[in-house]
């Protein structure tokens, strides 16, 4: 994937994630049709909002940054098409974990 600058800025505590592609071949070498492929559960943060405000009016910092690899729930967020790619938009609290490599 080529690193590009996106003209997409999520608001508040939302993030734009490029999902990791689903496996198209099983471990036994069988080509999987689209209907049999699992939804991706992880991806890379491509853009993030500035964070939301707490009740006192203080900005809560985002727990993730652009380039972080994360894991999210199977049905979390909203899938969108942007610039010819399929992305997920999630709230920060829908992210289950950050992957450290």
PDB file of N, CA and C in Angstrom:
ATOM      1  N   UNK A   1       0.830  -1.176   0.000  1.00  0.00           N
ATOM      2  CA  UNK A   1       0.000   0.000   0.000  1.00  0.00           C
ATOM      3  C   UNK A   1       0.880   1.246   0.000  1.00  0.00           C
ATOM      4  N   UNK A   2       0.528   2.201  -0.806  1.00  0.00           N
ATOM      5  CA  UNK A   2       1.258   3.452  -0.876  1.00  0.00           C
ATOM      6  C   UNK A   2       0.731   4.399   0.191  1.00  0.00           C
ATOM      7  N   UNK A   3       1.629   5.044   0.913  1.00  0.00           N
ATOM      8  CA  UNK A   3       1.226   5.995   1.952  1.00  0.00           C
ATOM      9  C   UNK A   3       0.786   7.280   1.275  1.00  0.00           C
ATOM     10  N   UNK A   4      -0.458   7.700   1.508  1.00  0.00           N
ATOM     11  CA  UNK A   4      -0.977   8.924   0.924  1.00  0.00           C
ATOM     12  C   UNK A   4      -1.535   9.808   2.029  1.00  0.00           C
ATOM     13  N   UNK A   5      -1.713  11.066   1.698  1.00  0.00           N
ATOM     14  CA  UNK A   5      -2.340  11.986   2.623  1.00  0.00           C
ATOM     15  C   UNK A   5      -3.827  12.004   2.310  1.00  0.00           C
ATOM     16  N   UNK A   6      -4.640  11.658   3.290  1.00  0.00           N
ATOM     17  CA  UNK A   6      -6.074  11.617   3.082  1.00  0.00           C
ATOM     18  C   UNK A   6      -6.695  12.975   3.358  1.00  0.00           C
ATOM     19  N   UNK A   7      -7.708  13.318   2.569  1.00  0.00           N
ATOM     20  CA  UNK A   7      -8.479  14.530   2.810  1.00  0.00           C
ATOM     21  C   UNK A   7      -9.728  14.126   3.591  1.00  0.00           C
ATOM     22  N   UNK A   8      -9.532  13.418   4.683  1.00  0.00           N
ATOM     23  CA  UNK A   8     -10.626  12.897   5.498  1.00  0.00           C
ATOM     24  C   UNK A   8     -10.227  13.108   6.948  1.00  0.00           C
ATOM     25  N   UNK A   9     -10.983  13.906   7.665  1.00  0.00           N
ATOM     26  CA  UNK A   9     -10.674  14.160   9.068  1.00  0.00           C
ATOM     27  C   UNK A   9     -11.849  13.723   9.929  1.00  0.00           C
ATOM     28  N   UNK A  10     -11.692  12.633  10.685  1.00  0.00           N
ATOM     29  CA  UNK A  10     -12.768  12.209  11.581  1.00  0.00           C
ATOM     30  C   UNK A  10     -13.000  13.265  12.667  1.00  0.00           C
ATOM     31  N   UNK A  11     -14.229  13.322  13.179  1.00  0.00           N
ATOM     32  CA  UNK A  11     -14.533  14.278  14.240  1.00  0.00           C
ATOM     33  C   UNK A  11     -14.503  13.601  15.608  1.00  0.00           C
ATOM     34  N   UNK A  12     -14.303  14.395  16.616  1.00  0.00           N
ATOM     35  CA  UNK A  12     -14.252  13.976  18.015  1.00  0.00           C
ATOM     36  C   UNK A  12     -13.381  12.740  18.205  1.00  0.00           C
ATOM     37  N   UNK A  13     -13.950  11.646  18.743  1.00  0.00           N
ATOM     38  CA  UNK A  13     -13.140  10.462  19.080  1.00  0.00           C
ATOM     39  C   UNK A  13     -13.267   9.361  18.033  1.00  0.00           C
ATOM     40  N   UNK A  14     -13.468   9.746  16.778  1.00  0.00           N
ATOM     41  CA  UNK A  14     -13.597   8.738  15.727  1.00  0.00           C
ATOM     42  C   UNK A  14     -12.266   8.554  14.996  1.00  0.00           C
ATOM     43  N   UNK A  15     -12.103   7.340  14.438  1.00  0.00           N
ATOM     44  CA  UNK A  15     -10.889   7.018  13.689  1.00  0.00           C
ATOM     45  C   UNK A  15     -11.270   6.394  12.353  1.00  0.00           C
ATOM     46  N   UNK A  16     -10.425   6.596  11.362  1.00  0.00           N
ATOM     47  CA  UNK A  16     -10.573   5.975  10.052  1.00  0.00           C
ATOM     48  C   UNK A  16      -9.567   4.838   9.991  1.00  0.00           C
ATOM     49  N   UNK A  17     -10.054   3.615   9.754  1.00  0.00           N
ATOM     50  CA  UNK A  17      -9.199   2.429   9.755  1.00  0.00           C
ATOM     51  C   UNK A  17      -9.228   1.770   8.386  1.00  0.00           C
ATOM     52  N   UNK A  18      -8.044   1.430   7.873  1.00  0.00           N
ATOM     53  CA  UNK A  18      -7.927   0.612   6.669  1.00  0.00           C
ATOM     54  C   UNK A  18      -7.848  -0.832   7.147  1.00  0.00           C
ATOM     55  N   UNK A  19      -8.933  -1.620   6.962  1.00  0.00           N
ATOM     56  CA  UNK A  19      -8.930  -2.991   7.465  1.00  0.00           C
ATOM     57  C   UNK A  19      -7.872  -3.855   6.788  1.00  0.00           C
ATOM     58  N   UNK A  20      -7.339  -4.802   7.554  1.00  0.00           N
ATOM     59  CA  UNK A  20      -6.418  -5.792   7.017  1.00  0.00           C
ATOM     60  C   UNK A  20      -7.215  -6.668   6.055  1.00  0.00           C
ATOM     61  N   UNK A  21      -6.710  -6.935   4.847  1.00  0.00           N
ATOM     62  CA  UNK A  21      -7.470  -7.752   3.895  1.00  0.00           C
ATOM     63  C   UNK A  21      -7.799  -9.133   4.459  1.00  0.00           C
ATOM     64  N   UNK A  22      -8.994  -9.620   4.122  1.00  0.00           N
ATOM     65  CA  UNK A  22      -9.426 -10.950   4.550  1.00  0.00           C
ATOM     66  C   UNK A  22      -8.635 -12.019   3.803  1.00  0.00           C
ATOM     67  N   UNK A  23      -8.454 -13.153   4.459  1.00  0.00           N
ATOM     68  CA  UNK A  23      -7.771 -14.280   3.826  1.00  0.00           C
ATOM     69  C   UNK A  23      -8.617 -14.783   2.655  1.00  0.00           C
ATOM     70  N   UNK A  24      -8.000 -14.978   1.483  1.00  0.00           N
ATOM     71  CA  UNK A  24      -8.730 -15.471   0.319  1.00  0.00           C
ATOM     72  C   UNK A  24      -8.450 -16.940   0.050  1.00  0.00           C
ATOM     73  N   UNK A  25      -7.468 -17.508   0.766  1.00  0.00           N
ATOM     74  CA  UNK A  25      -7.118 -18.924   0.622  1.00  0.00           C
ATOM     75  C   UNK A  25      -7.050 -19.529   2.021  1.00  0.00           C
ATOM     76  N   UNK A  26      -7.673 -20.698   2.198  1.00  0.00           N
ATOM     77  CA  UNK A  26      -7.653 -21.355   3.507  1.00  0.00           C
ATOM     78  C   UNK A  26      -6.263 -21.916   3.789  1.00  0.00           C
ATOM     79  N   UNK A  27      -6.036 -22.346   5.034  1.00  0.00           N
ATOM     80  CA  UNK A  27      -4.737 -22.927   5.385  1.00  0.00           C
ATOM     81  C   UNK A  27      -4.475 -24.205   4.599  1.00  0.00           C
ATOM     82  N   UNK A  28      -5.527 -24.857   4.124  1.00  0.00           N
ATOM     83  CA  UNK A  28      -5.380 -26.071   3.320  1.00  0.00           C
ATOM     84  C   UNK A  28      -5.211 -25.782   1.835  1.00  0.00           C
ATOM     85  N   UNK A  29      -5.208 -24.500   1.440  1.00  0.00           N
ATOM     86  CA  UNK A  29      -4.988 -24.129   0.048  1.00  0.00           C
ATOM     87  C   UNK A  29      -6.255 -23.970  -0.771  1.00  0.00           C
ATOM     88  N   UNK A  30      -7.418 -23.989  -0.138  1.00  0.00           N
ATOM     89  CA  UNK A  30      -8.678 -23.848  -0.858  1.00  0.00           C
ATOM     90  C   UNK A  30      -9.001 -22.361  -1.005  1.00  0.00           C
ATOM     91  N   UNK A  31      -9.341 -21.957  -2.236  1.00  0.00           N
ATOM     92  CA  UNK A  31      -9.716 -20.572  -2.490  1.00  0.00           C
ATOM     93  C   UNK A  31     -11.109 -20.345  -1.910  1.00  0.00           C
ATOM     94  N   UNK A  32     -11.229 -19.325  -1.064  1.00  0.00           N
ATOM     95  CA  UNK A  32     -12.495 -19.036  -0.389  1.00  0.00           C
ATOM     96  C   UNK A  32     -13.314 -18.022  -1.180  1.00  0.00           C
ATOM     97  N   UNK A  33     -14.610 -18.312  -1.415  1.00  0.00           N
ATOM     98  CA  UNK A  33     -15.459 -17.306  -2.062  1.00  0.00           C
ATOM     99  C   UNK A  33     -15.716 -16.152  -1.090  1.00  0.00           C
ATOM    100  N   UNK A  34     -16.128 -15.011  -1.622  1.00  0.00           N
ATOM    101  CA  UNK A  34     -16.384 -13.837  -0.777  1.00  0.00           C
ATOM    102  C   UNK A  34     -17.330 -14.144   0.372  1.00  0.00           C
ATOM    103  N   UNK A  35     -18.351 -14.960   0.115  1.00  0.00           N
ATOM    104  CA  UNK A  35     -19.343 -15.258   1.150  1.00  0.00           C
ATOM    105  C   UNK A  35     -18.765 -16.068   2.305  1.00  0.00           C
ATOM    106  N   UNK A  36     -17.653 -16.766   2.101  1.00  0.00           N
ATOM    107  CA  UNK A  36     -17.054 -17.594   3.149  1.00  0.00           C
ATOM    108  C   UNK A  36     -15.921 -16.886   3.885  1.00  0.00           C
ATOM    109  N   UNK A  37     -15.529 -15.720   3.403  1.00  0.00           N
ATOM    110  CA  UNK A  37     -14.418 -15.003   4.032  1.00  0.00           C
ATOM    111  C   UNK A  37     -14.894 -14.307   5.300  1.00  0.00           C
ATOM    112  N   UNK A  38     -14.076 -14.368   6.339  1.00  0.00           N
ATOM    113  CA  UNK A  38     -14.383 -13.696   7.602  1.00  0.00           C
ATOM    114  C   UNK A  38     -14.200 -12.189   7.442  1.00  0.00           C
ATOM    115  N   UNK A  39     -15.021 -11.426   8.151  1.00  0.00           N
ATOM    116  CA  UNK A  39     -14.825  -9.974   8.174  1.00  0.00           C
ATOM    117  C   UNK A  39     -13.499  -9.679   8.866  1.00  0.00           C
ATOM    118  N   UNK A  40     -12.753  -8.677   8.392  1.00  0.00           N
ATOM    119  CA  UNK A  40     -11.499  -8.340   9.068  1.00  0.00           C
ATOM    120  C   UNK A  40     -11.765  -7.837  10.482  1.00  0.00           C
ATOM    121  N   UNK A  41     -10.885  -8.192  11.392  1.00  0.00           N
ATOM    122  CA  UNK A  41     -11.011  -7.776  12.784  1.00  0.00           C
ATOM    123  C   UNK A  41      -9.902  -6.815  13.184  1.00  0.00           C
ATOM    124  N   UNK A  42      -9.075  -6.443  12.228  1.00  0.00           N
ATOM    125  CA  UNK A  42      -7.962  -5.555  12.529  1.00  0.00           C
ATOM    126  C   UNK A  42      -7.675  -4.645  11.358  1.00  0.00           C
ATOM    127  N   UNK A  43      -6.807  -3.672  11.606  1.00  0.00           N
ATOM    128  CA  UNK A  43      -6.437  -2.759  10.550  1.00  0.00           C
ATOM    129  C   UNK A  43      -5.486  -1.694  11.057  1.00  0.00           C
ATOM    130  N   UNK A  44      -5.235  -0.716  10.193  1.00  0.00           N
ATOM    131  CA  UNK A  44      -4.295   0.362  10.482  1.00  0.00           C
ATOM    132  C   UNK A  44      -5.037   1.689  10.556  1.00  0.00           C
ATOM    133  N   UNK A  45      -4.739   2.474  11.590  1.00  0.00           N
ATOM    134  CA  UNK A  45      -5.337   3.806  11.740  1.00  0.00           C
ATOM    135  C   UNK A  45      -4.760   4.713  10.656  1.00  0.00           C
ATOM    136  N   UNK A  46      -5.641   5.263   9.825  1.00  0.00           N
ATOM    137  CA  UNK A  46      -5.215   6.158   8.749  1.00  0.00           C
ATOM    138  C   UNK A  46      -5.427   7.630   9.104  1.00  0.00           C
ATOM    139  N   UNK A  47      -6.429   7.901   9.925  1.00  0.00           N
ATOM    140  CA  UNK A  47      -6.711   9.271  10.373  1.00  0.00           C
ATOM    141  C   UNK A  47      -7.489   9.185  11.675  1.00  0.00           C
ATOM    142  N   UNK A  48      -7.310  10.182  12.521  1.00  0.00           N
ATOM    143  CA  UNK A  48      -8.054  10.184  13.782  1.00  0.00           C
ATOM    144  C   UNK A  48      -8.481  11.596  14.137  1.00  0.00           C
ATOM    145  N   UNK A  49      -9.593  11.668  14.847  1.00  0.00           N
ATOM    146  CA  UNK A  49     -10.085  12.949  15.319  1.00  0.00           C
ATOM    147  C   UNK A  49      -9.248  13.436  16.496  1.00  0.00           C
ATOM    148  N   UNK A  50      -9.535  14.629  16.981  1.00  0.00           N
ATOM    149  CA  UNK A  50      -8.753  15.204  18.080  1.00  0.00           C
ATOM    150  C   UNK A  50      -9.116  14.644  19.454  1.00  0.00           C
ATOM    151  N   UNK A  51     -10.186  13.882  19.552  1.00  0.00           N
ATOM    152  CA  UNK A  51     -10.652  13.372  20.846  1.00  0.00           C
ATOM    153  C   UNK A  51     -11.919  14.102  21.251  1.00  0.00           C
ATOM    154  N   UNK A  52     -12.630  13.542  22.217  1.00  0.00           N
ATOM    155  CA  UNK A  52     -13.868  14.185  22.663  1.00  0.00           C
ATOM    156  C   UNK A  52     -13.606  14.962  23.950  1.00  0.00           C
ATOM    157  N   UNK A  53     -14.608  15.700  24.377  1.00  0.00           N
ATOM    158  CA  UNK A  53     -14.506  16.490  25.607  1.00  0.00           C
ATOM    159  C   UNK A  53     -15.193  15.764  26.757  1.00  0.00           C
ATOM    160  N   UNK A  54     -14.633  15.900  27.958  1.00  0.00           N
ATOM    161  CA  UNK A  54     -15.308  15.353  29.140  1.00  0.00           C
ATOM    162  C   UNK A  54     -16.314  16.390  29.656  1.00  0.00           C
ATOM    163  N   UNK A  55     -17.010  16.073  30.735  1.00  0.00           N
ATOM    164  CA  UNK A  55     -18.051  16.965  31.263  1.00  0.00           C
ATOM    165  C   UNK A  55     -17.506  18.305  31.741  1.00  0.00           C
ATOM    166  N   UNK A  56     -16.235  18.343  32.105  1.00  0.00           N
ATOM    167  CA  UNK A  56     -15.613  19.592  32.561  1.00  0.00           C
ATOM    168  C   UNK A  56     -15.097  20.446  31.402  1.00  0.00           C
ATOM    169  N   UNK A  57     -15.219  19.934  30.167  1.00  0.00           N
ATOM    170  CA  UNK A  57     -14.763  20.683  29.003  1.00  0.00           C
ATOM    171  C   UNK A  57     -13.322  20.442  28.621  1.00  0.00           C
ATOM    172  N   UNK A  58     -12.686  19.446  29.231  1.00  0.00           N
ATOM    173  CA  UNK A  58     -11.299  19.110  28.895  1.00  0.00           C
ATOM    174  C   UNK A  58     -11.270  18.071  27.781  1.00  0.00           C
ATOM    175  N   UNK A  59     -10.351  18.261  26.846  1.00  0.00           N
ATOM    176  CA  UNK A  59     -10.218  17.304  25.739  1.00  0.00           C
ATOM    177  C   UNK A  59      -9.590  16.020  26.259  1.00  0.00           C
ATOM    178  N   UNK A  60     -10.213  14.877  25.938  1.00  0.00           N
ATOM    179  CA  UNK A  60      -9.668  13.563  26.297  1.00  0.00           C
ATOM    180  C   UNK A  60      -8.780  13.125  25.137  1.00  0.00           C
ATOM    181  N   UNK A  61      -7.485  12.901  25.358  1.00  0.00           N
ATOM    182  CA  UNK A  61      -6.591  12.538  24.251  1.00  0.00           C
ATOM    183  C   UNK A  61      -6.951  11.178  23.653  1.00  0.00           C
ATOM    184  N   UNK A  62      -6.667  11.039  22.382  1.00  0.00           N
ATOM    185  CA  UNK A  62      -6.939   9.777  21.688  1.00  0.00           C
ATOM    186  C   UNK A  62      -5.951   8.707  22.152  1.00  0.00           C
ATOM    187  N   UNK A  63      -6.421   7.465  22.352  1.00  0.00           N
ATOM    188  CA  UNK A  63      -5.537   6.390  22.793  1.00  0.00           C
ATOM    189  C   UNK A  63      -4.718   5.780  21.657  1.00  0.00           C
ATOM    190  N   UNK A  64      -5.006   6.179  20.419  1.00  0.00           N
ATOM    191  CA  UNK A  64      -4.295   5.653  19.249  1.00  0.00           C
ATOM    192  C   UNK A  64      -3.860   6.813  18.365  1.00  0.00           C
ATOM    193  N   UNK A  65      -2.903   6.528  17.473  1.00  0.00           N
ATOM    194  CA  UNK A  65      -2.394   7.545  16.551  1.00  0.00           C
ATOM    195  C   UNK A  65      -2.342   6.965  15.140  1.00  0.00           C
ATOM    196  N   UNK A  66      -2.193   7.822  14.157  1.00  0.00           N
ATOM    197  CA  UNK A  66      -2.075   7.372  12.768  1.00  0.00           C
ATOM    198  C   UNK A  66      -0.934   6.369  12.647  1.00  0.00           C
ATOM    199  N   UNK A  67      -1.181   5.281  11.928  1.00  0.00           N
ATOM    200  CA  UNK A  67      -0.172   4.246  11.725  1.00  0.00           C
ATOM    201  C   UNK A  67      -0.261   3.095  12.713  1.00  0.00           C
ATOM    202  N   UNK A  68      -0.989   3.273  13.824  1.00  0.00           N
ATOM    203  CA  UNK A  68      -1.141   2.184  14.796  1.00  0.00           C
ATOM    204  C   UNK A  68      -1.956   1.045  14.194  1.00  0.00           C
ATOM    205  N   UNK A  69      -1.561  -0.181  14.533  1.00  0.00           N
ATOM    206  CA  UNK A  69      -2.346  -1.357  14.160  1.00  0.00           C
ATOM    207  C   UNK A  69      -3.257  -1.686  15.323  1.00  0.00           C
ATOM    208  N   UNK A  70      -4.545  -1.913  15.023  1.00  0.00           N
ATOM    209  CA  UNK A  70      -5.526  -2.141  16.075  1.00  0.00           C
ATOM    210  C   UNK A  70      -6.408  -3.350  15.760  1.00  0.00           C
ATOM    211  N   UNK A  71      -7.085  -3.821  16.807  1.00  0.00           N
ATOM    212  CA  UNK A  71      -8.080  -4.883  16.686  1.00  0.00           C
ATOM    213  C   UNK A  71      -9.411  -4.293  17.125  1.00  0.00           C
ATOM    214  N   UNK A  72     -10.482  -4.632  16.388  1.00  0.00           N
ATOM    215  CA  UNK A  72     -11.812  -4.127  16.729  1.00  0.00           C
ATOM    216  C   UNK A  72     -12.817  -5.262  16.593  1.00  0.00           C
ATOM    217  N   UNK A  73     -14.021  -5.049  17.096  1.00  0.00           N
ATOM    218  CA  UNK A  73     -15.072  -6.059  17.049  1.00  0.00           C
ATOM    219  C   UNK A  73     -15.546  -6.333  15.633  1.00  0.00           C
ATOM    220  N   UNK A  74     -16.042  -7.531  15.430  1.00  0.00           N
ATOM    221  CA  UNK A  74     -16.468  -7.986  14.108  1.00  0.00           C
ATOM    222  C   UNK A  74     -17.500  -7.060  13.460  1.00  0.00           C
ATOM    223  N   UNK A  75     -18.428  -6.542  14.248  1.00  0.00           N
ATOM    224  CA  UNK A  75     -19.499  -5.701  13.700  1.00  0.00           C
ATOM    225  C   UNK A  75     -19.372  -4.238  14.127  1.00  0.00           C
ATOM    226  N   UNK A  76     -18.200  -3.830  14.561  1.00  0.00           N
ATOM    227  CA  UNK A  76     -17.980  -2.454  15.025  1.00  0.00           C
ATOM    228  C   UNK A  76     -17.906  -1.477  13.864  1.00  0.00           C
ATOM    229  N   UNK A  77     -18.300  -0.249  14.140  1.00  0.00           N
ATOM    230  CA  UNK A  77     -18.101   0.840  13.203  1.00  0.00           C
ATOM    231  C   UNK A  77     -18.988   0.814  11.978  1.00  0.00           C
ATOM    232  N   UNK A  78     -18.666   1.710  11.076  1.00  0.00           N
ATOM    233  CA  UNK A  78     -19.397   1.875   9.827  1.00  0.00           C
ATOM    234  C   UNK A  78     -18.422   1.729   8.675  1.00  0.00           C
ATOM    235  N   UNK A  79     -18.773   0.899   7.705  1.00  0.00           N
ATOM    236  CA  UNK A  79     -17.926   0.698   6.532  1.00  0.00           C
ATOM    237  C   UNK A  79     -18.240   1.785   5.517  1.00  0.00           C
ATOM    238  N   UNK A  80     -17.187   2.416   4.974  1.00  0.00           N
ATOM    239  CA  UNK A  80     -17.375   3.456   3.963  1.00  0.00           C
ATOM    240  C   UNK A  80     -16.407   3.233   2.808  1.00  0.00           C
ATOM    241  N   UNK A  81     -16.771   3.768   1.653  1.00  0.00           N
ATOM    242  CA  UNK A  81     -15.888   3.799   0.488  1.00  0.00           C
ATOM    243  C   UNK A  81     -15.349   5.220   0.391  1.00  0.00           C
ATOM    244  N   UNK A  82     -14.035   5.348   0.280  1.00  0.00           N
ATOM    245  CA  UNK A  82     -13.415   6.665   0.177  1.00  0.00           C
ATOM    246  C   UNK A  82     -12.169   6.536  -0.666  1.00  0.00           C
ATOM    247  N   UNK A  83     -12.056   7.324  -1.711  1.00  0.00           N
ATOM    248  CA  UNK A  83     -10.867   7.335  -2.562  1.00  0.00           C
ATOM    249  C   UNK A  83     -10.558   5.953  -3.138  1.00  0.00           C
ATOM    250  N   UNK A  84     -11.596   5.175  -3.467  1.00  0.00           N
ATOM    251  CA  UNK A  84     -11.402   3.861  -4.072  1.00  0.00           C
ATOM    252  C   UNK A  84     -11.043   2.748  -3.107  1.00  0.00           C
ATOM    253  N   UNK A  85     -11.019   3.017  -1.806  1.00  0.00           N
ATOM    254  CA  UNK A  85     -10.700   2.012  -0.782  1.00  0.00           C
ATOM    255  C   UNK A  85     -11.897   1.848   0.147  1.00  0.00           C
ATOM    256  N   UNK A  86     -11.994   0.686   0.776  1.00  0.00           N
ATOM    257  CA  UNK A  86     -13.015   0.449   1.784  1.00  0.00           C
ATOM    258  C   UNK A  86     -12.388   0.639   3.157  1.00  0.00           C
ATOM    259  N   UNK A  87     -12.978   1.507   3.954  1.00  0.00           N
ATOM    260  CA  UNK A  87     -12.490   1.824   5.297  1.00  0.00           C
ATOM    261  C   UNK A  87     -13.579   1.539   6.319  1.00  0.00           C
ATOM    262  N   UNK A  88     -13.185   1.559   7.584  1.00  0.00           N
ATOM    263  CA  UNK A  88     -14.129   1.506   8.697  1.00  0.00           C
ATOM    264  C   UNK A  88     -13.943   2.786   9.498  1.00  0.00           C
ATOM    265  N   UNK A  89     -15.050   3.373   9.937  1.00  0.00           N
ATOM    266  CA  UNK A  89     -15.010   4.507  10.854  1.00  0.00           C
ATOM    267  C   UNK A  89     -15.549   4.002  12.186  1.00  0.00           C
ATOM    268  N   UNK A  90     -14.725   4.108  13.231  1.00  0.00           N
ATOM    269  CA  UNK A  90     -15.084   3.635  14.561  1.00  0.00           C
ATOM    270  C   UNK A  90     -14.879   4.737  15.578  1.00  0.00           C
ATOM    271  N   UNK A  91     -15.600   4.627  16.701  1.00  0.00           N
ATOM    272  CA  UNK A  91     -15.302   5.470  17.856  1.00  0.00           C
ATOM    273  C   UNK A  91     -14.127   4.829  18.577  1.00  0.00           C
ATOM    274  N   UNK A  92     -13.353   5.626  19.276  1.00  0.00           N
ATOM    275  CA  UNK A  92     -12.163   5.115  19.968  1.00  0.00           C
ATOM    276  C   UNK A  92     -12.514   4.001  20.947  1.00  0.00           C
ATOM    277  N   UNK A  93     -13.686   4.079  21.587  1.00  0.00           N
ATOM    278  CA  UNK A  93     -14.035   3.039  22.561  1.00  0.00           C
ATOM    279  C   UNK A  93     -14.472   1.725  21.919  1.00  0.00           C
ATOM    280  N   UNK A  94     -14.577   1.681  20.581  1.00  0.00           N
ATOM    281  CA  UNK A  94     -14.866   0.428  19.882  1.00  0.00           C
ATOM    282  C   UNK A  94     -13.586  -0.348  19.560  1.00  0.00           C
ATOM    283  N   UNK A  95     -12.429   0.292  19.736  1.00  0.00           N
ATOM    284  CA  UNK A  95     -11.149  -0.376  19.503  1.00  0.00           C
ATOM    285  C   UNK A  95     -10.843  -1.228  20.720  1.00  0.00           C
ATOM    286  N   UNK A  96     -10.577  -2.511  20.480  1.00  0.00           N
ATOM    287  CA  UNK A  96     -10.352  -3.451  21.579  1.00  0.00           C
ATOM    288  C   UNK A  96      -8.906  -3.469  22.049  1.00  0.00           C
ATOM    289  N   UNK A  97      -7.955  -3.314  21.116  1.00  0.00           N
ATOM    290  CA  UNK A  97      -6.540  -3.403  21.486  1.00  0.00           C
ATOM    291  C   UNK A  97      -5.676  -2.759  20.413  1.00  0.00           C
ATOM    292  N   UNK A  98      -4.490  -2.353  20.833  1.00  0.00           N
ATOM    293  CA  UNK A  98      -3.474  -1.833  19.917  1.00  0.00           C
ATOM    294  C   UNK A  98      -2.390  -2.901  19.818  1.00  0.00           C
ATOM    295  N   UNK A  99      -1.951  -3.208  18.600  1.00  0.00           N
ATOM    296  CA  UNK A  99      -0.929  -4.232  18.378  1.00  0.00           C
ATOM    297  C   UNK A  99       0.440  -3.563  18.382  1.00  0.00           C
ATOM    298  N   UNK A 100       1.314  -4.033  19.258  1.00  0.00           N
ATOM    299  CA  UNK A 100       2.688  -3.518  19.328  1.00  0.00           C
ATOM    300  C   UNK A 100       3.605  -4.525  18.643  1.00  0.00           C
ATOM    301  N   UNK A 101       4.361  -4.086  17.663  1.00  0.00           N
ATOM    302  CA  UNK A 101       5.300  -4.986  16.959  1.00  0.00           C
ATOM    303  C   UNK A 101       6.712  -4.538  17.208  1.00  0.00           C
TER     304      UNK A 101
END
